[in-house]
Amino acid sequence: MVLRIGFILVSVLIGYLVGGTGNELKVGLLIGLLLPVAAIALELILRRFTVWTFLGGLTGLLTGTLSAWLLGLPFKNIPGIQNLNLDVVCYVLLGYTGLAIGVNRGKNFTFARFYKSLTGRGSVENVMIIDTSAIIDGRIADICETGFLDGAFIIPQFILHELQHIADSSDSLRRTRGRRGLNMLQRIQKIADVKVRIIDDDFPRIKEVDAKLVALARTMNGKVITTDFNLNKVCDVQGIAVLNVNELANALRPVALPGESMHVYVLKEGKEATQGVAYLDDGTMVVVENGRRMIGKKLDVVVTSVLQTTAGRMIFAKPRDEEA
């Protein structure tokens, strides 16, 4: 701050010495004041910019100016147009446009992105084509809201037509399922971080919707999201990646539910006086009520409750003979 104030005072003093007397003195003082203020303002603005932002803006400005000059060449010798100052308008518009684009591109510039743009790597989009069964099922909407799926969701027109046909069915159950599918599709479209694209690609020679879906997945090199077991098998045979919602649900299924039986080996005593502790193959702790007397032995237990904690899952059980 002290350096800037000193710079302004020195500039004003130079303007005073150079200005002379009268009006020239006033002009000299004004120039001596305005120039350092403009220089300091420019310094503060440039401080926000990175080197790539500055170079991008400079490149964009030069490109816009060169474009304006080239654009004005054909109109140089046309009578009447020279007086309209069209060249000035072109310089201003194209120069500002080039500057704005250059600054924006320079701000987001990285060598990794530049390399990808040259080689074409990293530009492949993760395409997922949703089947009618998965839309009607509805769980795909819950999965989308969690943010686990990343990519573009493709809804072909023939899937929409099938949903509409089901929703217009005379059978009340099918009509309810079709309307549910349309509501779920609308719900997915409203999720902010999900990209949904409805495309017109069709295969007129193919009659079945599942076959069209397989052909579209092969064409777009995409994955099929479904709950249909038969479609899953067809995709597997033809080498198309499948995301089956049912398989995902089974993978996330709890290890045990209250009332289920399991065979465990009581390894040690628990925190309470009568408790014994056993472990499943995946490391899940099983706390057995009245199991302290069975330490070092195997026994059948019945699950009473399951507790999910930040450290993992704990299962509480009691011996089967006590349950009986």
C-alpha atoms as a PDB file:
ATOM      1  CA  MET A   1       0.000   0.000   0.000  1.00  0.00           C
ATOM      2  CA  VAL A   2       2.830   2.411   0.901  1.00  0.00           C
ATOM      3  CA  LEU A   3       4.559   1.607  -2.385  1.00  0.00           C
ATOM      4  CA  ARG A   4       1.395   2.328  -4.365  1.00  0.00           C
ATOM      5  CA  ILE A   5       0.811   5.660  -2.599  1.00  0.00           C
ATOM      6  CA  GLY A   6       4.431   6.622  -3.241  1.00  0.00           C
ATOM      7  CA  PHE A   7       4.021   5.637  -6.899  1.00  0.00           C
ATOM      8  CA  ILE A   8       0.961   7.909  -7.222  1.00  0.00           C
ATOM      9  CA  LEU A   9       2.721  10.834  -5.519  1.00  0.00           C
ATOM     10  CA  VAL A  10       5.798  10.480  -7.730  1.00  0.00           C
ATOM     11  CA  SER A  11       3.606  10.330 -10.842  1.00  0.00           C
ATOM     12  CA  VAL A  12       1.725  13.463  -9.798  1.00  0.00           C
ATOM     13  CA  LEU A  13       5.036  15.217  -9.129  1.00  0.00           C
ATOM     14  CA  ILE A  14       6.322  14.232 -12.576  1.00  0.00           C
ATOM     15  CA  GLY A  15       3.091  15.510 -14.111  1.00  0.00           C
ATOM     16  CA  TYR A  16       3.548  18.809 -12.234  1.00  0.00           C
ATOM     17  CA  LEU A  17       7.140  19.229 -13.407  1.00  0.00           C
ATOM     18  CA  VAL A  18       6.354  18.299 -17.007  1.00  0.00           C
ATOM     19  CA  GLY A  19       3.075  20.182 -17.236  1.00  0.00           C
ATOM     20  CA  GLY A  20       4.459  23.670 -17.031  1.00  0.00           C
ATOM     21  CA  THR A  21       1.917  26.373 -16.201  1.00  0.00           C
ATOM     22  CA  GLY A  22      -1.741  27.149 -16.819  1.00  0.00           C
ATOM     23  CA  ASN A  23      -3.906  24.568 -18.497  1.00  0.00           C
ATOM     24  CA  GLU A  24      -0.908  22.425 -19.312  1.00  0.00           C
ATOM     25  CA  LEU A  25      -0.201  22.139 -15.587  1.00  0.00           C
ATOM     26  CA  LYS A  26      -3.734  20.905 -14.970  1.00  0.00           C
ATOM     27  CA  VAL A  27      -3.466  18.340 -17.773  1.00  0.00           C
ATOM     28  CA  GLY A  28      -0.100  17.174 -16.469  1.00  0.00           C
ATOM     29  CA  LEU A  29      -1.449  16.757 -12.920  1.00  0.00           C
ATOM     30  CA  LEU A  30      -4.518  14.918 -14.220  1.00  0.00           C
ATOM     31  CA  ILE A  31      -2.429  12.557 -16.333  1.00  0.00           C
ATOM     32  CA  GLY A  32       0.011  12.057 -13.466  1.00  0.00           C
ATOM     33  CA  LEU A  33      -2.901  11.041 -11.224  1.00  0.00           C
ATOM     34  CA  LEU A  34      -4.933   8.908 -13.639  1.00  0.00           C
ATOM     35  CA  LEU A  35      -2.102   6.831 -15.099  1.00  0.00           C
ATOM     36  CA  PRO A  36      -0.838   5.339 -11.795  1.00  0.00           C
ATOM     37  CA  VAL A  37      -4.418   4.723 -10.627  1.00  0.00           C
ATOM     38  CA  ALA A  38      -5.126   2.854 -13.881  1.00  0.00           C
ATOM     39  CA  ALA A  39      -1.873   0.916 -13.520  1.00  0.00           C
ATOM     40  CA  ILE A  40      -2.717  -0.123  -9.954  1.00  0.00           C
ATOM     41  CA  ALA A  41      -6.239  -1.144 -10.985  1.00  0.00           C
ATOM     42  CA  LEU A  42      -4.786  -3.224 -13.812  1.00  0.00           C
ATOM     43  CA  GLU A  43      -2.374  -4.846 -11.372  1.00  0.00           C
ATOM     44  CA  LEU A  44      -5.210  -5.826  -9.020  1.00  0.00           C
ATOM     45  CA  ILE A  45      -7.210  -7.271 -11.909  1.00  0.00           C
ATOM     46  CA  LEU A  46      -4.291  -9.263 -13.313  1.00  0.00           C
ATOM     47  CA  ARG A  47      -3.476 -10.645  -9.878  1.00  0.00           C
ATOM     48  CA  ARG A  48      -6.657 -12.759 -10.068  1.00  0.00           C
ATOM     49  CA  PHE A  49      -5.592 -14.314 -13.336  1.00  0.00           C
ATOM     50  CA  THR A  50      -3.207 -17.199 -13.779  1.00  0.00           C
ATOM     51  CA  VAL A  51      -0.569 -17.278 -16.486  1.00  0.00           C
ATOM     52  CA  TRP A  52      -2.797 -19.527 -18.608  1.00  0.00           C
ATOM     53  CA  THR A  53      -5.735 -17.160 -18.185  1.00  0.00           C
ATOM     54  CA  PHE A  54      -3.625 -14.226 -19.322  1.00  0.00           C
ATOM     55  CA  LEU A  55      -2.189 -16.131 -22.283  1.00  0.00           C
ATOM     56  CA  GLY A  56      -5.643 -17.403 -23.217  1.00  0.00           C
ATOM     57  CA  GLY A  57      -7.108 -13.904 -23.138  1.00  0.00           C
ATOM     58  CA  LEU A  58      -4.197 -12.504 -25.143  1.00  0.00           C
ATOM     59  CA  THR A  59      -4.487 -15.269 -27.731  1.00  0.00           C
ATOM     60  CA  GLY A  60      -8.244 -14.750 -27.979  1.00  0.00           C
ATOM     61  CA  LEU A  61      -7.837 -10.984 -28.361  1.00  0.00           C
ATOM     62  CA  LEU A  62      -5.232 -11.373 -31.119  1.00  0.00           C
ATOM     63  CA  THR A  63      -7.388 -13.975 -32.887  1.00  0.00           C
ATOM     64  CA  GLY A  64     -10.471 -11.745 -32.714  1.00  0.00           C
ATOM     65  CA  THR A  65      -8.518  -8.732 -33.970  1.00  0.00           C
ATOM     66  CA  LEU A  66      -7.026 -10.718 -36.848  1.00  0.00           C
ATOM     67  CA  SER A  67     -10.488 -12.050 -37.748  1.00  0.00           C
ATOM     68  CA  ALA A  68     -11.882  -8.498 -37.784  1.00  0.00           C
ATOM     69  CA  TRP A  69      -9.047  -7.350 -40.061  1.00  0.00           C
ATOM     70  CA  LEU A  70      -9.593 -10.235 -42.463  1.00  0.00           C
ATOM     71  CA  LEU A  71     -13.345  -9.672 -42.409  1.00  0.00           C
ATOM     72  CA  GLY A  72     -12.899  -5.998 -43.281  1.00  0.00           C
ATOM     73  CA  LEU A  73     -10.590  -6.542 -46.262  1.00  0.00           C
ATOM     74  CA  PRO A  74     -13.343  -7.177 -48.855  1.00  0.00           C
ATOM     75  CA  PHE A  75     -15.152  -3.936 -47.856  1.00  0.00           C
ATOM     76  CA  LYS A  76     -12.129  -1.620 -47.980  1.00  0.00           C
ATOM     77  CA  ASN A  77     -12.642  -0.382 -51.527  1.00  0.00           C
ATOM     78  CA  ILE A  78     -16.452  -0.273 -51.606  1.00  0.00           C
ATOM     79  CA  PRO A  79     -17.637   3.365 -51.810  1.00  0.00           C
ATOM     80  CA  GLY A  80     -19.937   4.498 -49.009  1.00  0.00           C
ATOM     81  CA  ILE A  81     -19.108   1.679 -46.607  1.00  0.00           C
ATOM     82  CA  GLN A  82     -15.852   3.257 -45.437  1.00  0.00           C
ATOM     83  CA  ASN A  83     -17.788   6.090 -43.805  1.00  0.00           C
ATOM     84  CA  LEU A  84     -19.835   3.669 -41.689  1.00  0.00           C
ATOM     85  CA  ASN A  85     -16.806   2.685 -39.566  1.00  0.00           C
ATOM     86  CA  LEU A  86     -17.720  -0.980 -39.860  1.00  0.00           C
ATOM     87  CA  ASP A  87     -14.109  -1.922 -39.281  1.00  0.00           C
ATOM     88  CA  VAL A  88     -14.235  -0.326 -35.819  1.00  0.00           C
ATOM     89  CA  VAL A  89     -17.408  -2.249 -34.969  1.00  0.00           C
ATOM     90  CA  CYS A  90     -15.813  -5.513 -36.153  1.00  0.00           C
ATOM     91  CA  TYR A  91     -12.665  -4.889 -34.127  1.00  0.00           C
ATOM     92  CA  VAL A  92     -14.667  -4.183 -30.974  1.00  0.00           C
ATOM     93  CA  LEU A  93     -17.098  -7.096 -31.289  1.00  0.00           C
ATOM     94  CA  LEU A  94     -14.667  -9.779 -32.468  1.00  0.00           C
ATOM     95  CA  GLY A  95     -11.900  -8.559 -30.195  1.00  0.00           C
ATOM     96  CA  TYR A  96     -14.130  -8.709 -27.121  1.00  0.00           C
ATOM     97  CA  THR A  97     -15.552 -12.096 -28.168  1.00  0.00           C
ATOM     98  CA  GLY A  98     -12.082 -13.534 -28.637  1.00  0.00           C
ATOM     99  CA  LEU A  99     -10.924 -12.075 -25.320  1.00  0.00           C
ATOM    100  CA  ALA A 100     -13.889 -13.544 -23.412  1.00  0.00           C
ATOM    101  CA  ILE A 101     -13.512 -16.991 -24.986  1.00  0.00           C
ATOM    102  CA  GLY A 102      -9.754 -16.976 -24.468  1.00  0.00           C
ATOM    103  CA  VAL A 103     -10.014 -16.018 -20.794  1.00  0.00           C
ATOM    104  CA  ASN A 104     -12.610 -18.731 -20.164  1.00  0.00           C
ATOM    105  CA  ARG A 105     -10.569 -21.398 -21.940  1.00  0.00           C
ATOM    106  CA  GLY A 106      -7.354 -20.317 -20.283  1.00  0.00           C
ATOM    107  CA  LYS A 107      -8.973 -20.430 -16.851  1.00  0.00           C
ATOM    108  CA  ASN A 108      -9.868 -24.109 -17.306  1.00  0.00           C
ATOM    109  CA  PHE A 109      -6.669 -25.078 -19.120  1.00  0.00           C
ATOM    110  CA  THR A 110      -4.629 -28.033 -17.878  1.00  0.00           C
ATOM    111  CA  PHE A 111      -2.005 -30.117 -19.642  1.00  0.00           C
ATOM    112  CA  ALA A 112      -4.074 -33.247 -18.948  1.00  0.00           C
ATOM    113  CA  ARG A 113      -7.113 -31.842 -20.767  1.00  0.00           C
ATOM    114  CA  PHE A 114      -4.921 -30.594 -23.590  1.00  0.00           C
ATOM    115  CA  TYR A 115      -3.395 -34.059 -23.975  1.00  0.00           C
ATOM    116  CA  LYS A 116      -6.841 -35.682 -23.973  1.00  0.00           C
ATOM    117  CA  SER A 117      -8.083 -33.272 -26.629  1.00  0.00           C
ATOM    118  CA  LEU A 118      -5.100 -34.124 -28.842  1.00  0.00           C
ATOM    119  CA  THR A 119      -5.192 -37.881 -28.370  1.00  0.00           C
ATOM    120  CA  GLY A 120      -8.974 -38.246 -28.045  1.00  0.00           C
ATOM    121  CA  ARG A 121      -8.601 -40.208 -24.817  1.00  0.00           C
ATOM    122  CA  GLY A 122     -10.947 -39.758 -21.920  1.00  0.00           C
ATOM    123  CA  SER A 123     -13.792 -38.556 -24.129  1.00  0.00           C
ATOM    124  CA  VAL A 124     -15.785 -41.810 -24.105  1.00  0.00           C
ATOM    125  CA  GLU A 125     -19.084 -41.274 -22.303  1.00  0.00           C
ATOM    126  CA  ASN A 126     -20.529 -43.883 -19.975  1.00  0.00           C
ATOM    127  CA  VAL A 127     -23.814 -44.720 -21.716  1.00  0.00           C
ATOM    128  CA  MET A 128     -26.537 -46.629 -19.863  1.00  0.00           C
ATOM    129  CA  ILE A 129     -29.751 -47.678 -21.614  1.00  0.00           C
ATOM    130  CA  ILE A 130     -32.657 -48.240 -19.238  1.00  0.00           C
ATOM    131  CA  ASP A 131     -35.048 -51.109 -19.908  1.00  0.00           C
ATOM    132  CA  THR A 132     -38.797 -50.867 -19.348  1.00  0.00           C
ATOM    133  CA  SER A 133     -38.652 -53.330 -16.445  1.00  0.00           C
ATOM    134  CA  ALA A 134     -36.049 -51.244 -14.596  1.00  0.00           C
ATOM    135  CA  ILE A 135     -38.084 -48.057 -15.064  1.00  0.00           C
ATOM    136  CA  ILE A 136     -41.272 -49.658 -13.754  1.00  0.00           C
ATOM    137  CA  ASP A 137     -39.369 -51.285 -10.874  1.00  0.00           C
ATOM    138  CA  GLY A 138     -38.469 -47.818  -9.588  1.00  0.00           C
ATOM    139  CA  ARG A 139     -35.355 -48.679  -7.612  1.00  0.00           C
ATOM    140  CA  ILE A 140     -33.177 -47.191 -10.325  1.00  0.00           C
ATOM    141  CA  ALA A 141     -34.511 -43.752  -9.326  1.00  0.00           C
ATOM    142  CA  ASP A 142     -33.329 -44.319  -5.739  1.00  0.00           C
ATOM    143  CA  ILE A 143     -29.909 -45.400  -7.017  1.00  0.00           C
ATOM    144  CA  CYS A 144     -29.662 -42.285  -9.185  1.00  0.00           C
ATOM    145  CA  GLU A 145     -30.432 -40.048  -6.213  1.00  0.00           C
ATOM    146  CA  THR A 146     -27.507 -41.535  -4.282  1.00  0.00           C
ATOM    147  CA  GLY A 147     -25.085 -40.543  -7.051  1.00  0.00           C
ATOM    148  CA  PHE A 148     -23.547 -44.014  -7.467  1.00  0.00           C
ATOM    149  CA  LEU A 149     -24.187 -44.082 -11.223  1.00  0.00           C
ATOM    150  CA  ASP A 150     -22.202 -41.671 -13.362  1.00  0.00           C
ATOM    151  CA  GLY A 151     -22.891 -41.149 -17.044  1.00  0.00           C
ATOM    152  CA  ALA A 152     -25.736 -40.542 -19.462  1.00  0.00           C
ATOM    153  CA  PHE A 153     -29.044 -42.403 -19.187  1.00  0.00           C
ATOM    154  CA  ILE A 154     -30.472 -43.158 -22.620  1.00  0.00           C
ATOM    155  CA  ILE A 155     -34.212 -43.589 -23.096  1.00  0.00           C
ATOM    156  CA  PRO A 156     -35.060 -44.633 -26.684  1.00  0.00           C
ATOM    157  CA  GLN A 157     -38.410 -43.711 -28.128  1.00  0.00           C
ATOM    158  CA  PHE A 158     -39.468 -47.353 -28.471  1.00  0.00           C
ATOM    159  CA  ILE A 159     -39.142 -47.744 -24.681  1.00  0.00           C
ATOM    160  CA  LEU A 160     -41.371 -44.692 -24.190  1.00  0.00           C
ATOM    161  CA  HIS A 161     -43.894 -46.137 -26.627  1.00  0.00           C
ATOM    162  CA  GLU A 162     -43.919 -49.420 -24.723  1.00  0.00           C
ATOM    163  CA  LEU A 163     -44.467 -47.591 -21.419  1.00  0.00           C
ATOM    164  CA  GLN A 164     -47.300 -45.587 -22.945  1.00  0.00           C
ATOM    165  CA  HIS A 165     -48.840 -48.758 -24.379  1.00  0.00           C
ATOM    166  CA  ILE A 166     -48.733 -50.405 -20.941  1.00  0.00           C
ATOM    167  CA  ALA A 167     -50.177 -47.281 -19.292  1.00  0.00           C
ATOM    168  CA  ASP A 168     -53.090 -47.303 -21.780  1.00  0.00           C
ATOM    169  CA  SER A 169     -53.835 -51.000 -21.230  1.00  0.00           C
ATOM    170  CA  SER A 170     -57.369 -52.102 -20.401  1.00  0.00           C
ATOM    171  CA  ASP A 171     -55.974 -54.315 -17.627  1.00  0.00           C
ATOM    172  CA  SER A 172     -55.886 -52.308 -14.386  1.00  0.00           C
ATOM    173  CA  LEU A 173     -52.681 -53.949 -13.112  1.00  0.00           C
ATOM    174  CA  ARG A 174     -50.769 -53.282 -16.332  1.00  0.00           C
ATOM    175  CA  ARG A 175     -52.162 -49.755 -16.473  1.00  0.00           C
ATOM    176  CA  THR A 176     -50.918 -49.076 -12.944  1.00  0.00           C
ATOM    177  CA  ARG A 177     -47.474 -50.456 -13.786  1.00  0.00           C
ATOM    178  CA  GLY A 178     -47.235 -48.309 -16.913  1.00  0.00           C
ATOM    179  CA  ARG A 179     -48.203 -45.131 -15.085  1.00  0.00           C
ATOM    180  CA  ARG A 180     -45.722 -45.960 -12.342  1.00  0.00           C
ATOM    181  CA  GLY A 181     -42.997 -46.301 -14.996  1.00  0.00           C
ATOM    182  CA  LEU A 182     -43.834 -42.901 -16.494  1.00  0.00           C
ATOM    183  CA  ASN A 183     -43.771 -41.309 -13.029  1.00  0.00           C
ATOM    184  CA  MET A 184     -40.416 -42.908 -12.256  1.00  0.00           C
ATOM    185  CA  LEU A 185     -38.980 -41.677 -15.544  1.00  0.00           C
ATOM    186  CA  GLN A 186     -40.157 -38.164 -14.733  1.00  0.00           C
ATOM    187  CA  ARG A 187     -38.568 -38.465 -11.288  1.00  0.00           C
ATOM    188  CA  ILE A 188     -35.219 -39.476 -12.811  1.00  0.00           C
ATOM    189  CA  GLN A 189     -35.327 -36.510 -15.192  1.00  0.00           C
ATOM    190  CA  LYS A 190     -35.748 -34.110 -12.256  1.00  0.00           C
ATOM    191  CA  ILE A 191     -32.592 -35.303 -10.477  1.00  0.00           C
ATOM    192  CA  ALA A 192     -30.078 -32.501 -10.889  1.00  0.00           C
ATOM    193  CA  ASP A 193     -26.891 -34.543 -11.349  1.00  0.00           C
ATOM    194  CA  VAL A 194     -28.390 -37.079 -13.771  1.00  0.00           C
ATOM    195  CA  LYS A 195     -28.191 -36.636 -17.530  1.00  0.00           C
ATOM    196  CA  VAL A 196     -31.174 -38.169 -19.326  1.00  0.00           C
ATOM    197  CA  ARG A 197     -31.335 -38.196 -23.110  1.00  0.00           C
ATOM    198  CA  ILE A 198     -34.339 -39.345 -25.113  1.00  0.00           C
ATOM    199  CA  ILE A 199     -33.236 -40.492 -28.566  1.00  0.00           C
ATOM    200  CA  ASP A 200     -35.102 -41.383 -31.751  1.00  0.00           C
ATOM    201  CA  ASP A 201     -32.838 -44.269 -32.798  1.00  0.00           C
ATOM    202  CA  ASP A 202     -34.918 -47.220 -33.892  1.00  0.00           C
ATOM    203  CA  PHE A 203     -34.535 -50.505 -35.752  1.00  0.00           C
ATOM    204  CA  PRO A 204     -37.634 -50.923 -37.922  1.00  0.00           C
ATOM    205  CA  ARG A 205     -36.672 -54.424 -39.073  1.00  0.00           C
ATOM    206  CA  ILE A 206     -36.553 -55.650 -35.465  1.00  0.00           C
ATOM    207  CA  LYS A 207     -39.967 -56.203 -33.899  1.00  0.00           C
ATOM    208  CA  GLU A 208     -39.238 -57.134 -30.262  1.00  0.00           C
ATOM    209  CA  VAL A 209     -38.351 -54.335 -27.854  1.00  0.00           C
ATOM    210  CA  ASP A 210     -35.699 -56.399 -26.066  1.00  0.00           C
ATOM    211  CA  ALA A 211     -33.965 -57.155 -29.362  1.00  0.00           C
ATOM    212  CA  LYS A 212     -34.025 -53.452 -30.255  1.00  0.00           C
ATOM    213  CA  LEU A 213     -32.516 -52.664 -26.874  1.00  0.00           C
ATOM    214  CA  VAL A 214     -29.679 -55.134 -27.455  1.00  0.00           C
ATOM    215  CA  ALA A 215     -29.025 -53.719 -30.924  1.00  0.00           C
ATOM    216  CA  LEU A 216     -28.971 -50.160 -29.578  1.00  0.00           C
ATOM    217  CA  ALA A 217     -26.568 -51.117 -26.786  1.00  0.00           C
ATOM    218  CA  ARG A 218     -24.240 -52.710 -29.317  1.00  0.00           C
ATOM    219  CA  THR A 219     -24.424 -49.647 -31.581  1.00  0.00           C
ATOM    220  CA  MET A 220     -23.747 -47.128 -28.787  1.00  0.00           C
ATOM    221  CA  ASN A 221     -21.300 -49.381 -26.919  1.00  0.00           C
ATOM    222  CA  GLY A 222     -23.453 -48.875 -23.820  1.00  0.00           C
ATOM    223  CA  LYS A 223     -24.683 -50.838 -20.832  1.00  0.00           C
ATOM    224  CA  VAL A 224     -28.216 -52.098 -20.276  1.00  0.00           C
ATOM    225  CA  ILE A 225     -29.968 -51.451 -16.962  1.00  0.00           C
ATOM    226  CA  THR A 226     -32.689 -54.025 -16.350  1.00  0.00           C
ATOM    227  CA  THR A 227     -34.432 -56.316 -13.879  1.00  0.00           C
ATOM    228  CA  ASP A 228     -35.412 -58.833 -16.583  1.00  0.00           C
ATOM    229  CA  PHE A 229     -33.597 -62.154 -16.076  1.00  0.00           C
ATOM    230  CA  ASN A 230     -34.035 -63.272 -19.686  1.00  0.00           C
ATOM    231  CA  LEU A 231     -32.783 -59.969 -21.114  1.00  0.00           C
ATOM    232  CA  ASN A 232     -29.821 -60.212 -18.727  1.00  0.00           C
ATOM    233  CA  LYS A 233     -28.919 -63.634 -20.172  1.00  0.00           C
ATOM    234  CA  VAL A 234     -29.314 -62.473 -23.773  1.00  0.00           C
ATOM    235  CA  CYS A 235     -26.991 -59.532 -23.147  1.00  0.00           C
ATOM    236  CA  ASP A 236     -24.449 -61.829 -21.479  1.00  0.00           C
ATOM    237  CA  VAL A 237     -24.465 -64.162 -24.488  1.00  0.00           C
ATOM    238  CA  GLN A 238     -23.929 -61.265 -26.910  1.00  0.00           C
ATOM    239  CA  GLY A 239     -21.172 -59.674 -24.807  1.00  0.00           C
ATOM    240  CA  ILE A 240     -23.123 -56.591 -23.709  1.00  0.00           C
ATOM    241  CA  ALA A 241     -22.540 -55.210 -20.225  1.00  0.00           C
ATOM    242  CA  VAL A 242     -25.585 -55.396 -17.949  1.00  0.00           C
ATOM    243  CA  LEU A 243     -26.396 -53.578 -14.715  1.00  0.00           C
ATOM    244  CA  ASN A 244     -29.052 -55.748 -13.075  1.00  0.00           C
ATOM    245  CA  VAL A 245     -30.867 -53.983 -10.247  1.00  0.00           C
ATOM    246  CA  ASN A 246     -31.821 -57.310  -8.651  1.00  0.00           C
ATOM    247  CA  GLU A 247     -28.195 -58.424  -8.511  1.00  0.00           C
ATOM    248  CA  LEU A 248     -27.257 -55.110  -6.916  1.00  0.00           C
ATOM    249  CA  ALA A 249     -29.981 -55.550  -4.302  1.00  0.00           C
ATOM    250  CA  ASN A 250     -28.750 -59.064  -3.537  1.00  0.00           C
ATOM    251  CA  ALA A 251     -25.194 -57.824  -3.173  1.00  0.00           C
ATOM    252  CA  LEU A 252     -26.327 -55.204  -0.659  1.00  0.00           C
ATOM    253  CA  ARG A 253     -28.591 -57.598   1.209  1.00  0.00           C
ATOM    254  CA  PRO A 254     -27.925 -57.735   4.967  1.00  0.00           C
ATOM    255  CA  VAL A 255     -25.805 -60.662   6.168  1.00  0.00           C
ATOM    256  CA  ALA A 256     -28.556 -61.829   8.484  1.00  0.00           C
ATOM    257  CA  LEU A 257     -32.116 -60.951   9.389  1.00  0.00           C
ATOM    258  CA  PRO A 258     -33.839 -61.367  12.758  1.00  0.00           C
ATOM    259  CA  GLY A 259     -35.127 -64.908  13.096  1.00  0.00           C
ATOM    260  CA  GLU A 260     -32.490 -66.475  10.845  1.00  0.00           C
ATOM    261  CA  SER A 261     -30.303 -69.301  12.153  1.00  0.00           C
ATOM    262  CA  MET A 262     -26.550 -69.636  11.834  1.00  0.00           C
ATOM    263  CA  HIS A 263     -23.784 -71.910  13.083  1.00  0.00           C
ATOM    264  CA  VAL A 264     -20.971 -70.039  14.882  1.00  0.00           C
ATOM    265  CA  TYR A 265     -17.868 -70.734  16.932  1.00  0.00           C
ATOM    266  CA  VAL A 266     -17.801 -68.785  20.223  1.00  0.00           C
ATOM    267  CA  LEU A 267     -14.295 -67.407  20.445  1.00  0.00           C
ATOM    268  CA  LYS A 268     -14.203 -65.205  23.541  1.00  0.00           C
ATOM    269  CA  GLU A 269     -16.282 -63.507  26.196  1.00  0.00           C
ATOM    270  CA  GLY A 270     -18.171 -60.313  25.550  1.00  0.00           C
ATOM    271  CA  LYS A 271     -18.474 -57.047  27.479  1.00  0.00           C
ATOM    272  CA  GLU A 272     -21.405 -58.254  29.524  1.00  0.00           C
ATOM    273  CA  ALA A 273     -20.974 -61.030  32.073  1.00  0.00           C
ATOM    274  CA  THR A 274     -22.943 -63.661  30.170  1.00  0.00           C
ATOM    275  CA  GLN A 275     -22.065 -62.723  26.580  1.00  0.00           C
ATOM    276  CA  GLY A 276     -19.907 -64.665  24.166  1.00  0.00           C
ATOM    277  CA  VAL A 277     -18.435 -63.335  20.928  1.00  0.00           C
ATOM    278  CA  ALA A 278     -18.136 -65.130  17.606  1.00  0.00           C
ATOM    279  CA  TYR A 279     -17.133 -63.958  14.133  1.00  0.00           C
ATOM    280  CA  LEU A 280     -18.445 -64.745  10.670  1.00  0.00           C
ATOM    281  CA  ASP A 281     -16.154 -65.442   7.719  1.00  0.00           C
ATOM    282  CA  ASP A 282     -16.330 -61.799   6.585  1.00  0.00           C
ATOM    283  CA  GLY A 283     -15.330 -60.541  10.040  1.00  0.00           C
ATOM    284  CA  THR A 284     -18.814 -59.576  11.242  1.00  0.00           C
ATOM    285  CA  MET A 285     -19.058 -59.750  15.028  1.00  0.00           C
ATOM    286  CA  VAL A 286     -21.785 -61.946  16.487  1.00  0.00           C
ATOM    287  CA  VAL A 287     -22.656 -61.258  20.142  1.00  0.00           C
ATOM    288  CA  VAL A 288     -24.279 -64.364  21.669  1.00  0.00           C
ATOM    289  CA  GLU A 289     -26.406 -63.861  24.756  1.00  0.00           C
ATOM    290  CA  ASN A 290     -25.632 -66.437  27.459  1.00  0.00           C
ATOM    291  CA  GLY A 291     -22.821 -67.681  25.272  1.00  0.00           C
ATOM    292  CA  ARG A 292     -19.985 -67.235  27.724  1.00  0.00           C
ATOM    293  CA  ARG A 293     -20.344 -70.797  28.953  1.00  0.00           C
ATOM    294  CA  MET A 294     -19.927 -72.001  25.350  1.00  0.00           C
ATOM    295  CA  ILE A 295     -16.505 -70.385  24.700  1.00  0.00           C
ATOM    296  CA  GLY A 296     -14.414 -72.696  22.545  1.00  0.00           C
ATOM    297  CA  LYS A 297     -17.449 -74.550  21.214  1.00  0.00           C
ATOM    298  CA  LYS A 298     -19.705 -74.399  18.168  1.00  0.00           C
ATOM    299  CA  LEU A 299     -23.423 -73.904  18.502  1.00  0.00           C
ATOM    300  CA  ASP A 300     -26.512 -72.961  16.565  1.00  0.00           C
ATOM    301  CA  VAL A 301     -27.855 -69.489  17.285  1.00  0.00           C
ATOM    302  CA  VAL A 302     -30.890 -67.459  16.215  1.00  0.00           C
ATOM    303  CA  VAL A 303     -30.441 -63.812  15.193  1.00  0.00           C
ATOM    304  CA  THR A 304     -32.361 -61.417  17.413  1.00  0.00           C
ATOM    305  CA  SER A 305     -31.228 -58.069  15.937  1.00  0.00           C
ATOM    306  CA  VAL A 306     -28.693 -56.478  13.589  1.00  0.00           C
ATOM    307  CA  LEU A 307     -26.914 -53.214  14.406  1.00  0.00           C
ATOM    308  CA  GLN A 308     -25.178 -51.182  11.691  1.00  0.00           C
ATOM    309  CA  THR A 309     -22.465 -48.877  13.039  1.00  0.00           C
ATOM    310  CA  THR A 310     -19.753 -46.751  11.453  1.00  0.00           C
ATOM    311  CA  ALA A 311     -17.248 -49.465  12.358  1.00  0.00           C
ATOM    312  CA  GLY A 312     -19.290 -52.199  10.682  1.00  0.00           C
ATOM    313  CA  ARG A 313     -22.246 -54.514  11.279  1.00  0.00           C
ATOM    314  CA  MET A 314     -22.917 -56.275  14.603  1.00  0.00           C
ATOM    315  CA  ILE A 315     -25.272 -59.219  14.989  1.00  0.00           C
ATOM    316  CA  PHE A 316     -26.953 -60.079  18.282  1.00  0.00           C
ATOM    317  CA  ALA A 317     -28.128 -63.668  18.743  1.00  0.00           C
ATOM    318  CA  LYS A 318     -29.097 -66.217  21.339  1.00  0.00           C
ATOM    319  CA  PRO A 319     -28.637 -70.008  21.429  1.00  0.00           C
ATOM    320  CA  ARG A 320     -31.248 -71.961  19.510  1.00  0.00           C
ATOM    321  CA  ASP A 321     -32.211 -74.094  22.525  1.00  0.00           C
ATOM    322  CA  GLU A 322     -33.107 -70.957  24.508  1.00  0.00           C
ATOM    323  CA  GLU A 323     -35.203 -69.687  21.596  1.00  0.00           C
ATOM    324  CA  ALA A 324     -37.073 -72.981  21.567  1.00  0.00           C
END
